[in-house]
């Protein structure tokens, strides 16, 4: 199918456009942009820098992808923004490329849904099937796993990690690493349990969810210091795949430490 470009759009001749790309009124597409097959840009979309947008993705008005990162040490290096296929990027979303301080790449996975005014900062890595509600925002260098849900106005501090299948509640400020399958709530964020509803929707068995809740209590509600509880849990939950994922995440804890449990919530 031919490419369709509205007469008011400005598309650099060097931009690489796949088949059946549709570019709406008043869009701007820079020379280093790569748009996959069947990408749709609605009106007033800006695609700049070394930005790749995967096939079957759709971008809504006033989204800005690939403009220079918001970092005082950025010196114009040819860093990249790589967005996967089947993503929906709604109005006023911003995503920035990487910097030489990190990997030079910002990576957004497949099947992402980014709602109004959400933000992915420089050098972030976002997994597949992410959902960012309105105004959810990542600081630079954040690492977000697969199937993560970010509530409205939720924020993740620079260099923090959020594990697979975690839920960050609305207006939560994350300043430490959130374990896979967990729920983080509050300013500053605390764990309140396992993401039971999300896991059920994704087909996790009742047995798996029950095991994860037991592991959560062992790690975050037991007696003694955390390192002792972790070693006991390793023995008690040996051979469980979901538990192994949490243990692996904890082994590679980053500079900001691990988000701990709130004082008065069950799993």
C-alpha atoms as a PDB file:
ATOM      1  CA  UNK A   1       0.000   0.000   0.000  1.00  0.00           C
ATOM      2  CA  UNK A   2       1.250   3.518  -0.738  1.00  0.00           C
ATOM      3  CA  UNK A   3       2.357   6.013   1.885  1.00  0.00           C
ATOM      4  CA  UNK A   4      -0.173   8.777   2.559  1.00  0.00           C
ATOM      5  CA  UNK A   5       1.174  12.180   3.631  1.00  0.00           C
ATOM      6  CA  UNK A   6      -1.100  15.163   4.231  1.00  0.00           C
ATOM      7  CA  UNK A   7      -0.058  18.236   2.203  1.00  0.00           C
ATOM      8  CA  UNK A   8       0.562  20.269   5.370  1.00  0.00           C
ATOM      9  CA  UNK A   9       2.931  17.695   6.902  1.00  0.00           C
ATOM     10  CA  UNK A  10       6.694  18.237   6.689  1.00  0.00           C
ATOM     11  CA  UNK A  11       8.483  14.933   6.103  1.00  0.00           C
ATOM     12  CA  UNK A  12      12.198  14.979   5.385  1.00  0.00           C
ATOM     13  CA  UNK A  13      13.114  13.151   2.191  1.00  0.00           C
ATOM     14  CA  UNK A  14      15.690  11.094   4.098  1.00  0.00           C
ATOM     15  CA  UNK A  15      13.144   9.671   6.549  1.00  0.00           C
ATOM     16  CA  UNK A  16      12.512   5.949   6.046  1.00  0.00           C
ATOM     17  CA  UNK A  17       8.833   5.106   5.755  1.00  0.00           C
ATOM     18  CA  UNK A  18       7.379   1.602   5.579  1.00  0.00           C
ATOM     19  CA  UNK A  19       4.385   0.473   3.586  1.00  0.00           C
ATOM     20  CA  UNK A  20       0.943   1.983   4.190  1.00  0.00           C
ATOM     21  CA  UNK A  21       2.257   4.682   6.549  1.00  0.00           C
ATOM     22  CA  UNK A  22      -0.250   7.473   7.116  1.00  0.00           C
ATOM     23  CA  UNK A  23       0.943  10.920   8.182  1.00  0.00           C
ATOM     24  CA  UNK A  24      -1.704  13.466   9.118  1.00  0.00           C
ATOM     25  CA  UNK A  25      -1.918  17.265   8.988  1.00  0.00           C
ATOM     26  CA  UNK A  26       0.897  19.417  10.380  1.00  0.00           C
ATOM     27  CA  UNK A  27       3.127  16.509  11.397  1.00  0.00           C
ATOM     28  CA  UNK A  28       6.916  16.883  11.318  1.00  0.00           C
ATOM     29  CA  UNK A  29       9.171  13.888  10.602  1.00  0.00           C
ATOM     30  CA  UNK A  30      12.941  14.377  10.705  1.00  0.00           C
ATOM     31  CA  UNK A  31      15.645  12.930   8.439  1.00  0.00           C
ATOM     32  CA  UNK A  32      16.753  10.152  10.800  1.00  0.00           C
ATOM     33  CA  UNK A  33      13.286   8.836  11.616  1.00  0.00           C
ATOM     34  CA  UNK A  34      12.248   5.284  10.719  1.00  0.00           C
ATOM     35  CA  UNK A  35       8.524   4.486  10.634  1.00  0.00           C
ATOM     36  CA  UNK A  36       7.487   0.848  10.283  1.00  0.00           C
ATOM     37  CA  UNK A  37       4.712  -0.550   8.143  1.00  0.00           C
ATOM     38  CA  UNK A  38       1.199   0.730   8.813  1.00  0.00           C
ATOM     39  CA  UNK A  39       2.266   3.387  11.292  1.00  0.00           C
ATOM     40  CA  UNK A  40      -0.313   6.142  11.707  1.00  0.00           C
ATOM     41  CA  UNK A  41       0.546   9.658  12.811  1.00  0.00           C
ATOM     42  CA  UNK A  42      -2.505  11.763  13.523  1.00  0.00           C
ATOM     43  CA  UNK A  43      -2.227  15.543  13.246  1.00  0.00           C
ATOM     44  CA  UNK A  44       0.539  17.663  14.844  1.00  0.00           C
ATOM     45  CA  UNK A  45       2.882  14.783  15.736  1.00  0.00           C
ATOM     46  CA  UNK A  46       6.630  15.521  15.924  1.00  0.00           C
ATOM     47  CA  UNK A  47       9.170  12.740  15.246  1.00  0.00           C
ATOM     48  CA  UNK A  48      12.761  13.962  15.551  1.00  0.00           C
ATOM     49  CA  UNK A  49      16.243  12.556  16.064  1.00  0.00           C
ATOM     50  CA  UNK A  50      17.262   8.946  15.519  1.00  0.00           C
ATOM     51  CA  UNK A  51      13.815   7.590  16.324  1.00  0.00           C
ATOM     52  CA  UNK A  52      12.425   4.227  15.218  1.00  0.00           C
ATOM     53  CA  UNK A  53       8.706   3.532  15.526  1.00  0.00           C
ATOM     54  CA  UNK A  54       7.633  -0.074  15.031  1.00  0.00           C
ATOM     55  CA  UNK A  55       4.959  -1.426  12.712  1.00  0.00           C
ATOM     56  CA  UNK A  56       1.253  -0.943  13.430  1.00  0.00           C
ATOM     57  CA  UNK A  57       1.873   1.788  15.982  1.00  0.00           C
ATOM     58  CA  UNK A  58      -0.417   4.794  16.278  1.00  0.00           C
ATOM     59  CA  UNK A  59       0.517   8.256  17.528  1.00  0.00           C
ATOM     60  CA  UNK A  60      -2.030  10.909  18.473  1.00  0.00           C
ATOM     61  CA  UNK A  61      -1.901  14.729  18.213  1.00  0.00           C
ATOM     62  CA  UNK A  62       0.859  16.734  19.871  1.00  0.00           C
ATOM     63  CA  UNK A  63       2.964  13.750  20.875  1.00  0.00           C
ATOM     64  CA  UNK A  64       6.685  14.556  20.576  1.00  0.00           C
ATOM     65  CA  UNK A  65       9.108  11.667  20.090  1.00  0.00           C
ATOM     66  CA  UNK A  66      12.883  11.895  19.837  1.00  0.00           C
ATOM     67  CA  UNK A  67      13.623  15.513  20.725  1.00  0.00           C
ATOM     68  CA  UNK A  68      16.839  16.059  22.738  1.00  0.00           C
ATOM     69  CA  UNK A  69      16.895  14.585  26.244  1.00  0.00           C
ATOM     70  CA  UNK A  70      16.398  16.842  29.230  1.00  0.00           C
ATOM     71  CA  UNK A  71      19.900  16.510  30.635  1.00  0.00           C
ATOM     72  CA  UNK A  72      22.466  19.257  31.162  1.00  0.00           C
ATOM     73  CA  UNK A  73      25.316  16.985  30.004  1.00  0.00           C
ATOM     74  CA  UNK A  74      23.733  16.053  26.691  1.00  0.00           C
ATOM     75  CA  UNK A  75      26.091  17.302  23.965  1.00  0.00           C
ATOM     76  CA  UNK A  76      24.204  16.449  20.798  1.00  0.00           C
ATOM     77  CA  UNK A  77      25.433  12.865  20.468  1.00  0.00           C
ATOM     78  CA  UNK A  78      23.537  10.708  17.973  1.00  0.00           C
ATOM     79  CA  UNK A  79      21.635   8.690  20.551  1.00  0.00           C
ATOM     80  CA  UNK A  80      18.488   6.754  19.719  1.00  0.00           C
ATOM     81  CA  UNK A  81      14.873   6.245  20.687  1.00  0.00           C
ATOM     82  CA  UNK A  82      13.591   2.781  19.736  1.00  0.00           C
ATOM     83  CA  UNK A  83       9.851   2.131  20.055  1.00  0.00           C
ATOM     84  CA  UNK A  84       8.422  -1.316  19.377  1.00  0.00           C
ATOM     85  CA  UNK A  85       5.502  -2.460  17.272  1.00  0.00           C
ATOM     86  CA  UNK A  86       1.786  -2.184  18.054  1.00  0.00           C
ATOM     87  CA  UNK A  87       2.201   0.749  20.415  1.00  0.00           C
ATOM     88  CA  UNK A  88      -0.504   3.347  21.035  1.00  0.00           C
ATOM     89  CA  UNK A  89       0.877   6.749  21.985  1.00  0.00           C
ATOM     90  CA  UNK A  90      -1.764   9.262  22.958  1.00  0.00           C
ATOM     91  CA  UNK A  91      -1.884  13.054  23.016  1.00  0.00           C
ATOM     92  CA  UNK A  92       1.042  15.079  24.406  1.00  0.00           C
ATOM     93  CA  UNK A  93       3.209  12.039  25.200  1.00  0.00           C
ATOM     94  CA  UNK A  94       6.956  12.742  25.203  1.00  0.00           C
ATOM     95  CA  UNK A  95       9.789  10.227  24.808  1.00  0.00           C
ATOM     96  CA  UNK A  96      13.466  11.167  24.658  1.00  0.00           C
ATOM     97  CA  UNK A  97      16.544   9.394  23.248  1.00  0.00           C
ATOM     98  CA  UNK A  98      19.469   8.201  25.332  1.00  0.00           C
ATOM     99  CA  UNK A  99      22.688   9.905  26.366  1.00  0.00           C
ATOM    100  CA  UNK A 100      26.395   9.090  26.470  1.00  0.00           C
ATOM    101  CA  UNK A 101      26.080   8.864  30.255  1.00  0.00           C
ATOM    102  CA  UNK A 102      24.339   5.509  29.796  1.00  0.00           C
ATOM    103  CA  UNK A 103      23.731   3.254  26.784  1.00  0.00           C
ATOM    104  CA  UNK A 104      22.903   5.982  24.222  1.00  0.00           C
ATOM    105  CA  UNK A 105      19.525   4.262  23.782  1.00  0.00           C
ATOM    106  CA  UNK A 106      16.009   4.654  25.093  1.00  0.00           C
ATOM    107  CA  UNK A 107      14.051   1.465  24.424  1.00  0.00           C
ATOM    108  CA  UNK A 108      10.279   1.022  24.541  1.00  0.00           C
ATOM    109  CA  UNK A 109       8.897  -2.469  23.969  1.00  0.00           C
ATOM    110  CA  UNK A 110       5.990  -3.801  21.948  1.00  0.00           C
ATOM    111  CA  UNK A 111       2.246  -3.420  22.589  1.00  0.00           C
ATOM    112  CA  UNK A 112       2.673  -0.417  24.874  1.00  0.00           C
ATOM    113  CA  UNK A 113      -0.194   1.934  25.730  1.00  0.00           C
ATOM    114  CA  UNK A 114       0.922   5.422  26.716  1.00  0.00           C
ATOM    115  CA  UNK A 115      -1.933   7.705  27.704  1.00  0.00           C
ATOM    116  CA  UNK A 116      -2.146  11.491  27.660  1.00  0.00           C
ATOM    117  CA  UNK A 117       0.980  13.422  28.719  1.00  0.00           C
ATOM    118  CA  UNK A 118       2.925  10.408  29.943  1.00  0.00           C
ATOM    119  CA  UNK A 119       6.718  10.667  29.690  1.00  0.00           C
ATOM    120  CA  UNK A 120       9.622   8.286  29.036  1.00  0.00           C
ATOM    121  CA  UNK A 121      12.928   9.982  29.821  1.00  0.00           C
ATOM    122  CA  UNK A 122      16.402   9.468  28.380  1.00  0.00           C
ATOM    123  CA  UNK A 123      18.083   6.061  28.681  1.00  0.00           C
ATOM    124  CA  UNK A 124      14.980   4.289  29.997  1.00  0.00           C
ATOM    125  CA  UNK A 125      14.111   0.716  29.081  1.00  0.00           C
ATOM    126  CA  UNK A 126      10.396  -0.145  29.077  1.00  0.00           C
ATOM    127  CA  UNK A 127       9.232  -3.728  28.541  1.00  0.00           C
ATOM    128  CA  UNK A 128       6.394  -5.118  26.450  1.00  0.00           C
ATOM    129  CA  UNK A 129       2.707  -4.536  27.247  1.00  0.00           C
ATOM    130  CA  UNK A 130       3.374  -1.502  29.442  1.00  0.00           C
ATOM    131  CA  UNK A 131       0.432   0.720  30.339  1.00  0.00           C
ATOM    132  CA  UNK A 132       1.122   4.300  31.392  1.00  0.00           C
ATOM    133  CA  UNK A 133      -1.981   6.186  32.547  1.00  0.00           C
ATOM    134  CA  UNK A 134      -2.304   9.951  32.109  1.00  0.00           C
ATOM    135  CA  UNK A 135       0.759  11.931  33.247  1.00  0.00           C
ATOM    136  CA  UNK A 136       2.719   8.877  34.412  1.00  0.00           C
ATOM    137  CA  UNK A 137       6.403   9.742  34.184  1.00  0.00           C
ATOM    138  CA  UNK A 138       9.814   8.059  34.259  1.00  0.00           C
ATOM    139  CA  UNK A 139      13.049   9.698  35.304  1.00  0.00           C
ATOM    140  CA  UNK A 140      16.175   8.971  33.311  1.00  0.00           C
ATOM    141  CA  UNK A 141      17.732   5.476  33.280  1.00  0.00           C
ATOM    142  CA  UNK A 142      14.643   3.782  34.784  1.00  0.00           C
ATOM    143  CA  UNK A 143      14.106   0.103  33.980  1.00  0.00           C
ATOM    144  CA  UNK A 144      10.495  -1.024  33.628  1.00  0.00           C
ATOM    145  CA  UNK A 145       9.625  -4.698  33.139  1.00  0.00           C
ATOM    146  CA  UNK A 146       6.975  -6.397  31.025  1.00  0.00           C
ATOM    147  CA  UNK A 147       3.250  -5.981  31.794  1.00  0.00           C
ATOM    148  CA  UNK A 148       3.833  -3.076  34.177  1.00  0.00           C
ATOM    149  CA  UNK A 149       0.925  -0.744  34.937  1.00  0.00           C
ATOM    150  CA  UNK A 150       1.696   2.862  35.880  1.00  0.00           C
ATOM    151  CA  UNK A 151      -1.259   4.733  37.375  1.00  0.00           C
ATOM    152  CA  UNK A 152      -2.103   8.346  36.660  1.00  0.00           C
ATOM    153  CA  UNK A 153       0.518  10.874  37.833  1.00  0.00           C
ATOM    154  CA  UNK A 154       2.759   8.056  39.073  1.00  0.00           C
ATOM    155  CA  UNK A 155       6.487   8.773  38.873  1.00  0.00           C
ATOM    156  CA  UNK A 156       9.610   6.624  38.950  1.00  0.00           C
ATOM    157  CA  UNK A 157      12.871   8.218  40.068  1.00  0.00           C
ATOM    158  CA  UNK A 158      16.057   8.047  38.017  1.00  0.00           C
ATOM    159  CA  UNK A 159      17.851   4.678  37.978  1.00  0.00           C
ATOM    160  CA  UNK A 160      14.994   2.812  39.694  1.00  0.00           C
ATOM    161  CA  UNK A 161      13.679  -0.546  38.488  1.00  0.00           C
ATOM    162  CA  UNK A 162      10.139  -1.899  38.376  1.00  0.00           C
ATOM    163  CA  UNK A 163       9.792  -5.662  37.912  1.00  0.00           C
ATOM    164  CA  UNK A 164       7.524  -7.590  35.556  1.00  0.00           C
ATOM    165  CA  UNK A 165       3.773  -7.551  36.297  1.00  0.00           C
ATOM    166  CA  UNK A 166       4.107  -4.852  38.960  1.00  0.00           C
ATOM    167  CA  UNK A 167       1.480  -2.179  39.556  1.00  0.00           C
ATOM    168  CA  UNK A 168       2.393   1.395  40.468  1.00  0.00           C
ATOM    169  CA  UNK A 169      -0.689   3.061  41.924  1.00  0.00           C
ATOM    170  CA  UNK A 170      -1.929   6.490  40.926  1.00  0.00           C
ATOM    171  CA  UNK A 171       0.129   9.418  42.284  1.00  0.00           C
ATOM    172  CA  UNK A 172       2.793   7.098  43.671  1.00  0.00           C
ATOM    173  CA  UNK A 173       6.384   8.358  43.838  1.00  0.00           C
ATOM    174  CA  UNK A 174       8.802   5.453  43.393  1.00  0.00           C
ATOM    175  CA  UNK A 175      12.320   6.063  44.729  1.00  0.00           C
ATOM    176  CA  UNK A 176      13.505   2.439  45.082  1.00  0.00           C
ATOM    177  CA  UNK A 177      13.215  -0.837  43.169  1.00  0.00           C
ATOM    178  CA  UNK A 178       9.752  -2.448  43.061  1.00  0.00           C
ATOM    179  CA  UNK A 179       9.775  -6.254  42.968  1.00  0.00           C
ATOM    180  CA  UNK A 180       8.104  -8.234  40.166  1.00  0.00           C
ATOM    181  CA  UNK A 181       4.401  -8.924  40.819  1.00  0.00           C
ATOM    182  CA  UNK A 182       4.249  -6.258  43.542  1.00  0.00           C
ATOM    183  CA  UNK A 183       1.995  -3.252  44.142  1.00  0.00           C
ATOM    184  CA  UNK A 184       3.585   0.037  45.173  1.00  0.00           C
ATOM    185  CA  UNK A 185       1.523   2.843  46.693  1.00  0.00           C
ATOM    186  CA  UNK A 186       2.206   6.266  48.173  1.00  0.00           C
ATOM    187  CA  UNK A 187       4.681   9.123  48.398  1.00  0.00           C
ATOM    188  CA  UNK A 188       7.228   7.722  49.009  1.00  0.00           C
ATOM    189  CA  UNK A 189       6.269   4.344  47.625  1.00  0.00           C
ATOM    190  CA  UNK A 190       5.760   1.318  49.858  1.00  0.00           C
ATOM    191  CA  UNK A 191       4.769  -2.196  48.897  1.00  0.00           C
ATOM    192  CA  UNK A 192       1.232  -3.181  49.846  1.00  0.00           C
ATOM    193  CA  UNK A 193       1.144  -6.727  48.503  1.00  0.00           C
ATOM    194  CA  UNK A 194       0.973  -8.764  45.315  1.00  0.00           C
ATOM    195  CA  UNK A 195      -0.785  -7.562  42.152  1.00  0.00           C
ATOM    196  CA  UNK A 196      -3.514 -10.179  42.493  1.00  0.00           C
ATOM    197  CA  UNK A 197      -6.022  -8.587  40.112  1.00  0.00           C
ATOM    198  CA  UNK A 198      -3.465  -7.988  37.377  1.00  0.00           C
ATOM    199  CA  UNK A 199      -2.076 -11.506  37.623  1.00  0.00           C
ATOM    200  CA  UNK A 200      -5.549 -13.008  37.476  1.00  0.00           C
ATOM    201  CA  UNK A 201      -6.325 -11.043  34.332  1.00  0.00           C
ATOM    202  CA  UNK A 202      -3.154 -12.368  32.715  1.00  0.00           C
ATOM    203  CA  UNK A 203      -4.011 -15.982  33.373  1.00  0.00           C
ATOM    204  CA  UNK A 204      -1.853 -16.776  36.388  1.00  0.00           C
ATOM    205  CA  UNK A 205      -3.259 -19.743  38.276  1.00  0.00           C
ATOM    206  CA  UNK A 206      -4.754 -19.421  41.735  1.00  0.00           C
ATOM    207  CA  UNK A 207      -1.954 -21.657  42.998  1.00  0.00           C
ATOM    208  CA  UNK A 208       0.731 -19.337  41.585  1.00  0.00           C
ATOM    209  CA  UNK A 209      -0.916 -16.277  43.091  1.00  0.00           C
ATOM    210  CA  UNK A 210      -1.253 -17.969  46.477  1.00  0.00           C
ATOM    211  CA  UNK A 211       2.427 -18.924  46.375  1.00  0.00           C
ATOM    212  CA  UNK A 212       3.434 -15.361  45.527  1.00  0.00           C
ATOM    213  CA  UNK A 213       1.383 -14.005  48.413  1.00  0.00           C
ATOM    214  CA  UNK A 214       3.055 -16.465  50.769  1.00  0.00           C
ATOM    215  CA  UNK A 215       6.467 -15.438  49.470  1.00  0.00           C
ATOM    216  CA  UNK A 216       5.601 -11.764  49.932  1.00  0.00           C
ATOM    217  CA  UNK A 217       4.698 -12.373  53.573  1.00  0.00           C
ATOM    218  CA  UNK A 218       7.893 -14.353  54.109  1.00  0.00           C
ATOM    219  CA  UNK A 219      10.043 -11.588  52.630  1.00  0.00           C
ATOM    220  CA  UNK A 220       8.328  -8.481  53.923  1.00  0.00           C
ATOM    221  CA  UNK A 221       6.277  -9.521  56.976  1.00  0.00           C
ATOM    222  CA  UNK A 222       8.485 -11.996  58.775  1.00  0.00           C
ATOM    223  CA  UNK A 223      10.770 -11.570  61.766  1.00  0.00           C
ATOM    224  CA  UNK A 224      14.437 -10.647  61.635  1.00  0.00           C
ATOM    225  CA  UNK A 225      16.344  -8.538  59.134  1.00  0.00           C
ATOM    226  CA  UNK A 226      15.572  -8.638  55.424  1.00  0.00           C
ATOM    227  CA  UNK A 227      18.732 -10.529  54.432  1.00  0.00           C
ATOM    228  CA  UNK A 228      17.844 -13.346  56.838  1.00  0.00           C
ATOM    229  CA  UNK A 229      14.268 -13.537  55.587  1.00  0.00           C
ATOM    230  CA  UNK A 230      15.555 -13.652  52.009  1.00  0.00           C
ATOM    231  CA  UNK A 231      17.796 -16.641  52.702  1.00  0.00           C
ATOM    232  CA  UNK A 232      14.979 -18.495  54.450  1.00  0.00           C
ATOM    233  CA  UNK A 233      12.627 -17.778  51.548  1.00  0.00           C
ATOM    234  CA  UNK A 234      15.137 -19.114  49.021  1.00  0.00           C
ATOM    235  CA  UNK A 235      15.031 -22.478  50.742  1.00  0.00           C
ATOM    236  CA  UNK A 236      11.283 -22.510  51.302  1.00  0.00           C
ATOM    237  CA  UNK A 237      10.373 -21.551  47.713  1.00  0.00           C
ATOM    238  CA  UNK A 238      13.138 -23.341  45.807  1.00  0.00           C
ATOM    239  CA  UNK A 239      12.018 -24.558  42.388  1.00  0.00           C
ATOM    240  CA  UNK A 240       9.167 -22.069  41.968  1.00  0.00           C
ATOM    241  CA  UNK A 241       9.541 -20.052  38.756  1.00  0.00           C
ATOM    242  CA  UNK A 242       7.837 -16.878  39.969  1.00  0.00           C
ATOM    243  CA  UNK A 243       9.791 -16.924  43.212  1.00  0.00           C
ATOM    244  CA  UNK A 244      13.013 -17.382  41.238  1.00  0.00           C
ATOM    245  CA  UNK A 245      12.170 -14.261  39.247  1.00  0.00           C
ATOM    246  CA  UNK A 246      11.822 -12.236  42.443  1.00  0.00           C
ATOM    247  CA  UNK A 247      15.049 -13.647  43.886  1.00  0.00           C
ATOM    248  CA  UNK A 248      16.939 -12.811  40.694  1.00  0.00           C
ATOM    249  CA  UNK A 249      15.558  -9.272  40.793  1.00  0.00           C
ATOM    250  CA  UNK A 250      16.663  -8.839  44.403  1.00  0.00           C
ATOM    251  CA  UNK A 251      20.142 -10.176  43.651  1.00  0.00           C
ATOM    252  CA  UNK A 252      20.674  -7.409  41.109  1.00  0.00           C
ATOM    253  CA  UNK A 253      19.360  -4.604  43.314  1.00  0.00           C
ATOM    254  CA  UNK A 254      20.351  -1.189  42.020  1.00  0.00           C
ATOM    255  CA  UNK A 255      21.698   1.924  43.657  1.00  0.00           C
ATOM    256  CA  UNK A 256      18.346   2.910  45.183  1.00  0.00           C
ATOM    257  CA  UNK A 257      17.657  -0.217  47.238  1.00  0.00           C
ATOM    258  CA  UNK A 258      14.459  -2.266  47.376  1.00  0.00           C
ATOM    259  CA  UNK A 259      11.007  -0.849  48.061  1.00  0.00           C
ATOM    260  CA  UNK A 260       9.826  -2.181  51.413  1.00  0.00           C
ATOM    261  CA  UNK A 261       6.378  -2.999  52.779  1.00  0.00           C
ATOM    262  CA  UNK A 262       4.028  -0.461  54.243  1.00  0.00           C
ATOM    263  CA  UNK A 263       3.431  -0.701  57.972  1.00  0.00           C
ATOM    264  CA  UNK A 264      -0.215  -1.759  57.908  1.00  0.00           C
ATOM    265  CA  UNK A 265      -1.215  -3.757  54.870  1.00  0.00           C
ATOM    266  CA  UNK A 266      -1.526  -7.445  54.216  1.00  0.00           C
ATOM    267  CA  UNK A 267      -0.514  -9.303  51.083  1.00  0.00           C
END
